[in-house]
PDB file of N, CA and C in Angstrom:
ATOM      1  N   MET A   1       0.727  -1.262  -0.106  1.00  0.00           N
ATOM      2  CA  MET A   1       0.132   0.229   0.125  1.00  0.00           C
ATOM      3  C   MET A   1       0.087   1.495  -0.306  1.00  0.00           C
ATOM      4  N   ALA A   2       1.577   1.491  -0.867  1.00  0.00           N
ATOM      5  CA  ALA A   2       2.340   3.085  -1.542  1.00  0.00           C
ATOM      6  C   ALA A   2       1.337   3.955  -1.578  1.00  0.00           C
ATOM      7  N   ARG A   3       1.656   4.906  -0.443  1.00  0.00           N
ATOM      8  CA  ARG A   3       0.773   6.061  -0.658  1.00  0.00           C
ATOM      9  C   ARG A   3       1.211   7.354  -0.830  1.00  0.00           C
ATOM     10  N   VAL A   4       1.476   8.152  -1.416  1.00  0.00           N
ATOM     11  CA  VAL A   4       2.146  10.037  -1.209  1.00  0.00           C
ATOM     12  C   VAL A   4       1.124  10.532  -1.343  1.00  0.00           C
ATOM     13  N   ALA A   5       1.410  11.572  -0.776  1.00  0.00           N
ATOM     14  CA  ALA A   5       0.965  12.864  -0.463  1.00  0.00           C
ATOM     15  C   ALA A   5       1.214  13.524  -1.835  1.00  0.00           C
ATOM     16  N   THR A   6      -0.007  14.524  -3.029  1.00  0.00           N
ATOM     17  CA  THR A   6       0.147  14.947  -3.723  1.00  0.00           C
ATOM     18  C   THR A   6       0.663  15.865  -3.932  1.00  0.00           C
ATOM     19  N   ASP A   7       0.672  17.215  -4.584  1.00  0.00           N
ATOM     20  CA  ASP A   7       0.722  18.277  -4.377  1.00  0.00           C
ATOM     21  C   ASP A   7      -0.301  18.848  -4.827  1.00  0.00           C
ATOM     22  N   VAL A   8      -0.988  19.865  -4.474  1.00  0.00           N
ATOM     23  CA  VAL A   8      -2.290  20.358  -5.291  1.00  0.00           C
ATOM     24  C   VAL A   8      -1.653  21.610  -6.177  1.00  0.00           C
ATOM     25  N   HIS A   9      -0.445  21.399  -6.207  1.00  0.00           N
ATOM     26  CA  HIS A   9      -0.029  22.742  -7.377  1.00  0.00           C
ATOM     27  C   HIS A   9       0.798  21.362  -8.144  1.00  0.00           C
ATOM     28  N   ALA A  10       0.711  20.620  -8.529  1.00  0.00           N
ATOM     29  CA  ALA A  10       1.691  19.775  -8.746  1.00  0.00           C
ATOM     30  C   ALA A  10       2.119  19.869 -10.173  1.00  0.00           C
ATOM     31  N   ASP A  11       1.400  21.014 -10.827  1.00  0.00           N
ATOM     32  CA  ASP A  11       1.839  21.455 -12.629  1.00  0.00           C
ATOM     33  C   ASP A  11       3.045  22.201 -11.970  1.00  0.00           C
ATOM     34  N   ARG A  12       3.541  22.287 -10.813  1.00  0.00           N
ATOM     35  CA  ARG A  12       4.666  23.554 -10.323  1.00  0.00           C
ATOM     36  C   ARG A  12       5.749  22.901  -9.973  1.00  0.00           C
ATOM     37  N   SER A  13       6.829  22.921 -10.798  1.00  0.00           N
ATOM     38  CA  SER A  13       7.432  22.893 -11.016  1.00  0.00           C
ATOM     39  C   SER A  13       8.111  22.915  -8.945  1.00  0.00           C
ATOM     40  N   GLN A  14       8.526  22.271  -7.872  1.00  0.00           N
ATOM     41  CA  GLN A  14       9.263  22.451  -7.017  1.00  0.00           C
ATOM     42  C   GLN A  14      11.275  22.155  -6.925  1.00  0.00           C
ATOM     43  N   SER A  15      11.944  23.353  -6.175  1.00  0.00           N
ATOM     44  CA  SER A  15      13.030  22.595  -6.077  1.00  0.00           C
ATOM     45  C   SER A  15      13.827  23.096  -4.747  1.00  0.00           C
ATOM     46  N   ASP A  16      14.585  22.065  -4.190  1.00  0.00           N
ATOM     47  CA  ASP A  16      15.368  22.072  -3.451  1.00  0.00           C
ATOM     48  C   ASP A  16      16.119  23.663  -2.925  1.00  0.00           C
ATOM     49  N   TRP A  17      15.778  24.725  -2.383  1.00  0.00           N
ATOM     50  CA  TRP A  17      17.028  25.949  -1.916  1.00  0.00           C
ATOM     51  C   TRP A  17      17.994  25.711  -2.042  1.00  0.00           C
ATOM     52  N   LEU A  18      19.101  25.323  -1.386  1.00  0.00           N
ATOM     53  CA  LEU A  18      19.965  24.504  -1.389  1.00  0.00           C
ATOM     54  C   LEU A  18      20.718  24.180  -2.991  1.00  0.00           C
ATOM     55  N   THR A  19      20.486  23.356  -3.161  1.00  0.00           N
ATOM     56  CA  THR A  19      20.853  22.590  -4.189  1.00  0.00           C
ATOM     57  C   THR A  19      20.791  22.489  -5.232  1.00  0.00           C
ATOM     58  N   ARG A  20      19.412  23.478  -5.333  1.00  0.00           N
ATOM     59  CA  ARG A  20      18.844  23.502  -6.617  1.00  0.00           C
ATOM     60  C   ARG A  20      18.414  22.598  -7.480  1.00  0.00           C
ATOM     61  N   THR A  21      17.854  21.725  -7.143  1.00  0.00           N
ATOM     62  CA  THR A  21      17.583  19.870  -7.479  1.00  0.00           C
ATOM     63  C   THR A  21      15.881  20.453  -7.635  1.00  0.00           C
ATOM     64  N   ASP A  22      15.676  19.504  -8.750  1.00  0.00           N
ATOM     65  CA  ASP A  22      13.796  19.407  -9.012  1.00  0.00           C
ATOM     66  C   ASP A  22      13.674  18.632  -8.121  1.00  0.00           C
ATOM     67  N   THR A  23      12.821  18.277  -7.195  1.00  0.00           N
ATOM     68  CA  THR A  23      12.044  17.673  -5.983  1.00  0.00           C
ATOM     69  C   THR A  23      10.829  17.584  -6.345  1.00  0.00           C
ATOM     70  N   THR A  24      10.083  17.675  -7.208  1.00  0.00           N
ATOM     71  CA  THR A  24       9.183  17.202  -7.574  1.00  0.00           C
ATOM     72  C   THR A  24       9.127  15.568  -7.649  1.00  0.00           C
ATOM     73  N   THR A  25       9.906  14.776  -8.035  1.00  0.00           N
ATOM     74  CA  THR A  25       9.763  13.186  -8.256  1.00  0.00           C
ATOM     75  C   THR A  25      10.358  12.566  -6.623  1.00  0.00           C
ATOM     76  N   ALA A  26      10.045  11.441  -6.832  1.00  0.00           N
ATOM     77  CA  ALA A  26      10.524  10.995  -5.552  1.00  0.00           C
ATOM     78  C   ALA A  26      11.926  10.522  -5.779  1.00  0.00           C
ATOM     79  N   GLY A  27      12.326  10.731  -4.573  1.00  0.00           N
ATOM     80  CA  GLY A  27      14.232  10.910  -3.786  1.00  0.00           C
ATOM     81  C   GLY A  27      14.439   9.336  -4.262  1.00  0.00           C
ATOM     82  N   THR A  28      15.478   9.209  -4.009  1.00  0.00           N
ATOM     83  CA  THR A  28      16.379   7.573  -3.502  1.00  0.00           C
ATOM     84  C   THR A  28      15.538   6.778  -1.904  1.00  0.00           C
ATOM     85  N   THR A  29      15.629   8.433  -0.766  1.00  0.00           N
ATOM     86  CA  THR A  29      15.637   7.251   0.383  1.00  0.00           C
ATOM     87  C   THR A  29      13.755   7.200   0.354  1.00  0.00           C
ATOM     88  N   LEU A  30      12.888   7.919   0.102  1.00  0.00           N
ATOM     89  CA  LEU A  30      11.622   8.090  -0.373  1.00  0.00           C
ATOM     90  C   LEU A  30      10.905   6.923  -1.379  1.00  0.00           C
ATOM     91  N   ARG A  31      11.868   6.277  -2.415  1.00  0.00           N
ATOM     92  CA  ARG A  31      11.986   5.438  -3.148  1.00  0.00           C
ATOM     93  C   ARG A  31      12.123   3.686  -1.816  1.00  0.00           C
ATOM     94  N   ALA A  32      13.349   4.023  -1.335  1.00  0.00           N
ATOM     95  CA  ALA A  32      13.289   3.115  -0.378  1.00  0.00           C
ATOM     96  C   ALA A  32      12.279   2.671   0.232  1.00  0.00           C
ATOM     97  N   TRP A  33      12.259   3.568   0.965  1.00  0.00           N
ATOM     98  CA  TRP A  33      10.573   3.538   2.475  1.00  0.00           C
ATOM     99  C   TRP A  33       9.163   3.189   1.287  1.00  0.00           C
ATOM    100  N   MET A  34       9.586   3.555   0.313  1.00  0.00           N
ATOM    101  CA  MET A  34       7.907   3.314  -0.073  1.00  0.00           C
ATOM    102  C   MET A  34       8.096   1.128  -0.629  1.00  0.00           C
ATOM    103  N   ARG A  35       9.527   0.944  -1.082  1.00  0.00           N
ATOM    104  CA  ARG A  35       9.843  -0.504  -0.614  1.00  0.00           C
ATOM    105  C   ARG A  35       9.830  -1.267   0.272  1.00  0.00           C
ATOM    106  N   ALA A  36      10.224  -0.695   1.327  1.00  0.00           N
ATOM    107  CA  ALA A  36      10.263  -1.565   2.485  1.00  0.00           C
ATOM    108  C   ALA A  36       8.803  -0.827   3.728  1.00  0.00           C
ATOM    109  N   GLN A  37       8.341  -0.392   3.697  1.00  0.00           N
ATOM    110  CA  GLN A  37       7.210  -0.443   4.867  1.00  0.00           C
ATOM    111  C   GLN A  37       6.484  -1.044   4.212  1.00  0.00           C
ATOM    112  N   ARG A  38       6.381  -1.742   3.217  1.00  0.00           N
ATOM    113  CA  ARG A  38       5.283  -2.862   3.138  1.00  0.00           C
ATOM    114  C   ARG A  38       5.766  -3.813   4.431  1.00  0.00           C
ATOM    115  N   THR A  39       6.500  -4.330   4.994  1.00  0.00           N
ATOM    116  CA  THR A  39       6.901  -5.235   5.975  1.00  0.00           C
ATOM    117  C   THR A  39       7.385  -4.730   7.098  1.00  0.00           C
ATOM    118  N   SER A  40       7.070  -5.439   8.127  1.00  0.00           N
ATOM    119  CA  SER A  40       7.959  -4.758   9.429  1.00  0.00           C
ATOM    120  C   SER A  40       9.065  -4.774   9.564  1.00  0.00           C
ATOM    121  N   PHE A  41       9.554  -5.726   8.942  1.00  0.00           N
ATOM    122  CA  PHE A  41      11.010  -6.081   9.293  1.00  0.00           C
ATOM    123  C   PHE A  41      11.912  -4.979   7.843  1.00  0.00           C
ATOM    124  N   GLY A  42      10.765  -4.593   6.609  1.00  0.00           N
ATOM    125  CA  GLY A  42      11.594  -3.713   5.614  1.00  0.00           C
ATOM    126  C   GLY A  42      11.528  -2.591   7.243  1.00  0.00           C
ATOM    127  N   ARG A  43      10.814  -1.853   7.392  1.00  0.00           N
ATOM    128  CA  ARG A  43      10.071  -1.054   8.646  1.00  0.00           C
ATOM    129  C   ARG A  43      11.919  -0.868   8.892  1.00  0.00           C
ATOM    130  N   TRP A  44      11.938  -2.093   9.855  1.00  0.00           N
ATOM    131  CA  TRP A  44      13.326  -2.356  10.665  1.00  0.00           C
ATOM    132  C   TRP A  44      14.550  -1.497  10.140  1.00  0.00           C
ATOM    133  N   LEU A  45      15.069  -2.513   8.539  1.00  0.00           N
ATOM    134  CA  LEU A  45      15.513  -2.094   7.816  1.00  0.00           C
ATOM    135  C   LEU A  45      16.218  -1.165   7.658  1.00  0.00           C
ATOM    136  N   PHE A  46      15.000  -0.202   7.400  1.00  0.00           N
ATOM    137  CA  PHE A  46      14.816   1.328   7.073  1.00  0.00           C
ATOM    138  C   PHE A  46      15.456   2.081   7.554  1.00  0.00           C
ATOM    139  N   ALA A  47      14.857   1.706   9.195  1.00  0.00           N
ATOM    140  CA  ALA A  47      15.400   2.424   9.824  1.00  0.00           C
ATOM    141  C   ALA A  47      16.918   2.268  10.843  1.00  0.00           C
ATOM    142  N   ARG A  48      17.618   0.767  10.318  1.00  0.00           N
ATOM    143  CA  ARG A  48      18.910   0.517  10.655  1.00  0.00           C
ATOM    144  C   ARG A  48      19.715   1.535   9.685  1.00  0.00           C
ATOM    145  N   THR A  49      19.374   1.629   8.312  1.00  0.00           N
ATOM    146  CA  THR A  49      19.927   2.111   7.267  1.00  0.00           C
ATOM    147  C   THR A  49      19.834   3.919   8.014  1.00  0.00           C
ATOM    148  N   VAL A  50      19.468   4.337   7.520  1.00  0.00           N
ATOM    149  CA  VAL A  50      19.259   4.934   8.109  1.00  0.00           C
ATOM    150  C   VAL A  50      20.450   6.133   9.588  1.00  0.00           C
ATOM    151  N   SER A  51      20.238   4.875  10.025  1.00  0.00           N
ATOM    152  CA  SER A  51      20.366   5.139  11.981  1.00  0.00           C
ATOM    153  C   SER A  51      22.761   4.819  10.754  1.00  0.00           C
ATOM    154  N   ARG A  52      22.553   4.431  10.312  1.00  0.00           N
ATOM    155  CA  ARG A  52      24.275   3.957   9.913  1.00  0.00           C
ATOM    156  C   ARG A  52      24.492   5.588   8.737  1.00  0.00           C
ATOM    157  N   ARG A  53      24.121   5.845   8.067  1.00  0.00           N
ATOM    158  CA  ARG A  53      24.134   7.098   7.506  1.00  0.00           C
ATOM    159  C   ARG A  53      24.739   8.625   8.364  1.00  0.00           C
ATOM    160  N   ALA A  54      23.061   8.238   9.270  1.00  0.00           N
ATOM    161  CA  ALA A  54      23.356   9.462  10.129  1.00  0.00           C
ATOM    162  C   ALA A  54      23.290   8.722  11.740  1.00  0.00           C
ATOM    163  N   PRO A  55      24.560   8.874  11.953  1.00  0.00           N
ATOM    164  CA  PRO A  55      25.312   8.097  13.765  1.00  0.00           C
ATOM    165  C   PRO A  55      24.144   8.442  15.150  1.00  0.00           C
ATOM    166  N   TYR A  56      23.757  10.444  14.756  1.00  0.00           N
ATOM    167  CA  TYR A  56      23.067  10.230  16.140  1.00  0.00           C
ATOM    168  C   TYR A  56      21.901   9.600  15.697  1.00  0.00           C
ATOM    169  N   PHE A  57      21.338   9.312  15.065  1.00  0.00           N
ATOM    170  CA  PHE A  57      19.854   7.889  15.167  1.00  0.00           C
ATOM    171  C   PHE A  57      19.892   7.724  15.376  1.00  0.00           C
ATOM    172  N   ALA A  58      21.175   6.641  15.188  1.00  0.00           N
ATOM    173  CA  ALA A  58      21.638   5.240  16.250  1.00  0.00           C
ATOM    174  C   ALA A  58      20.884   5.241  17.396  1.00  0.00           C
ATOM    175  N   THR A  59      21.132   6.676  17.910  1.00  0.00           N
ATOM    176  CA  THR A  59      21.097   6.824  20.198  1.00  0.00           C
ATOM    177  C   THR A  59      19.582   6.866  20.235  1.00  0.00           C
ATOM    178  N   ILE A  60      19.059   7.146  18.993  1.00  0.00           N
ATOM    179  CA  ILE A  60      17.336   7.502  19.741  1.00  0.00           C
ATOM    180  C   ILE A  60      16.922   6.009  19.448  1.00  0.00           C
ATOM    181  N   LYS A  61      17.160   4.978  18.497  1.00  0.00           N
ATOM    182  CA  LYS A  61      16.182   4.251  18.002  1.00  0.00           C
ATOM    183  C   LYS A  61      15.139   4.436  17.061  1.00  0.00           C
ATOM    184  N   PRO A  62      15.376   5.437  16.094  1.00  0.00           N
ATOM    185  CA  PRO A  62      13.743   5.588  15.758  1.00  0.00           C
ATOM    186  C   PRO A  62      12.727   5.035  15.425  1.00  0.00           C
ATOM    187  N   LYS A  63      12.034   4.938  14.837  1.00  0.00           N
ATOM    188  CA  LYS A  63      10.838   3.970  14.119  1.00  0.00           C
ATOM    189  C   LYS A  63      10.110   5.052  13.550  1.00  0.00           C
ATOM    190  N   PHE A  64      10.201   4.612  12.111  1.00  0.00           N
ATOM    191  CA  PHE A  64       9.997   5.627  10.939  1.00  0.00           C
ATOM    192  C   PHE A  64       8.835   4.940  10.773  1.00  0.00           C
ATOM    193  N   ILE A  65       7.228   5.975  10.569  1.00  0.00           N
ATOM    194  CA  ILE A  65       6.019   5.759  10.816  1.00  0.00           C
ATOM    195  C   ILE A  65       5.278   5.679   9.000  1.00  0.00           C
ATOM    196  N   ASP A  66       5.642   6.657   9.259  1.00  0.00           N
ATOM    197  CA  ASP A  66       5.384   8.148   7.820  1.00  0.00           C
ATOM    198  C   ASP A  66       6.425   8.488   7.155  1.00  0.00           C
ATOM    199  N   LEU A  67       6.703   8.425   5.810  1.00  0.00           N
ATOM    200  CA  LEU A  67       7.449   9.516   4.888  1.00  0.00           C
ATOM    201  C   LEU A  67       6.885   9.690   4.184  1.00  0.00           C
ATOM    202  N   GLN A  68       7.063  10.608   3.863  1.00  0.00           N
ATOM    203  CA  GLN A  68       6.200  11.532   2.021  1.00  0.00           C
ATOM    204  C   GLN A  68       6.942  13.314   1.813  1.00  0.00           C
ATOM    205  N   PRO A  69       6.614  13.161   0.717  1.00  0.00           N
ATOM    206  CA  PRO A  69       7.659  14.606   0.373  1.00  0.00           C
ATOM    207  C   PRO A  69       6.782  15.786   1.703  1.00  0.00           C
ATOM    208  N   HIS A  70       7.992  16.372   1.701  1.00  0.00           N
ATOM    209  CA  HIS A  70       8.010  17.166   2.405  1.00  0.00           C
ATOM    210  C   HIS A  70       7.801  16.668   4.385  1.00  0.00           C
ATOM    211  N   LEU A  71       7.553  15.232   4.875  1.00  0.00           N
ATOM    212  CA  LEU A  71       7.113  15.231   5.624  1.00  0.00           C
ATOM    213  C   LEU A  71       7.414  13.618   6.175  1.00  0.00           C
ATOM    214  N   CYS A  72       7.806  13.553   7.453  1.00  0.00           N
ATOM    215  CA  CYS A  72       8.559  12.988   7.998  1.00  0.00           C
ATOM    216  C   CYS A  72       7.894  12.137   9.691  1.00  0.00           C
ATOM    217  N   ARG A  73       7.110  11.581  10.084  1.00  0.00           N
ATOM    218  CA  ARG A  73       6.788  11.009  10.841  1.00  0.00           C
ATOM    219  C   ARG A  73       7.767  10.103  12.066  1.00  0.00           C
ATOM    220  N   VAL A  74       7.959   9.952  12.734  1.00  0.00           N
ATOM    221  CA  VAL A  74       9.037   9.038  12.789  1.00  0.00           C
ATOM    222  C   VAL A  74       8.035   9.413  14.605  1.00  0.00           C
ATOM    223  N   ALA A  75       8.583   7.965  15.312  1.00  0.00           N
ATOM    224  CA  ALA A  75       8.516   8.143  16.795  1.00  0.00           C
ATOM    225  C   ALA A  75       9.768   7.209  17.824  1.00  0.00           C
ATOM    226  N   MET A  76      10.362   7.888  18.735  1.00  0.00           N
ATOM    227  CA  MET A  76      11.590   6.884  19.744  1.00  0.00           C
ATOM    228  C   MET A  76      10.564   7.015  21.173  1.00  0.00           C
ATOM    229  N   ARG A  77      11.273   6.532  22.247  1.00  0.00           N
ATOM    230  CA  ARG A  77      10.990   6.012  22.919  1.00  0.00           C
ATOM    231  C   ARG A  77      11.490   7.569  24.248  1.00  0.00           C
ATOM    232  N   LYS A  78      10.840   7.808  24.915  1.00  0.00           N
ATOM    233  CA  LYS A  78      10.835   8.995  25.891  1.00  0.00           C
ATOM    234  C   LYS A  78      11.978   8.266  26.816  1.00  0.00           C
ATOM    235  N   ARG A  79      13.235   9.501  26.591  1.00  0.00           N
ATOM    236  CA  ARG A  79      14.206   9.398  27.757  1.00  0.00           C
ATOM    237  C   ARG A  79      15.266  10.275  28.190  1.00  0.00           C
ATOM    238  N   ARG A  80      15.959  10.338  29.098  1.00  0.00           N
ATOM    239  CA  ARG A  80      16.096  11.436  29.387  1.00  0.00           C
ATOM    240  C   ARG A  80      17.705  12.396  28.568  1.00  0.00           C
TER     241      ARG A  80
END
């Protein structure tokens, strides 16, 4: 059940302000999430892969709930 939020202004191209690249298409991270979200093991593997790329994430052990263009929902344990 791959679900991606659609932009109301889809005819207007969007660009990343820093790299000046087109962001209307799904990037590699979003495509990986679309494949991984189908199973609980896929979601776990996606979280571990992100944690290896950004070491801070390994300390908070994120649980990705939803990932869409311009939206990321993550759950984590409440800790000190």
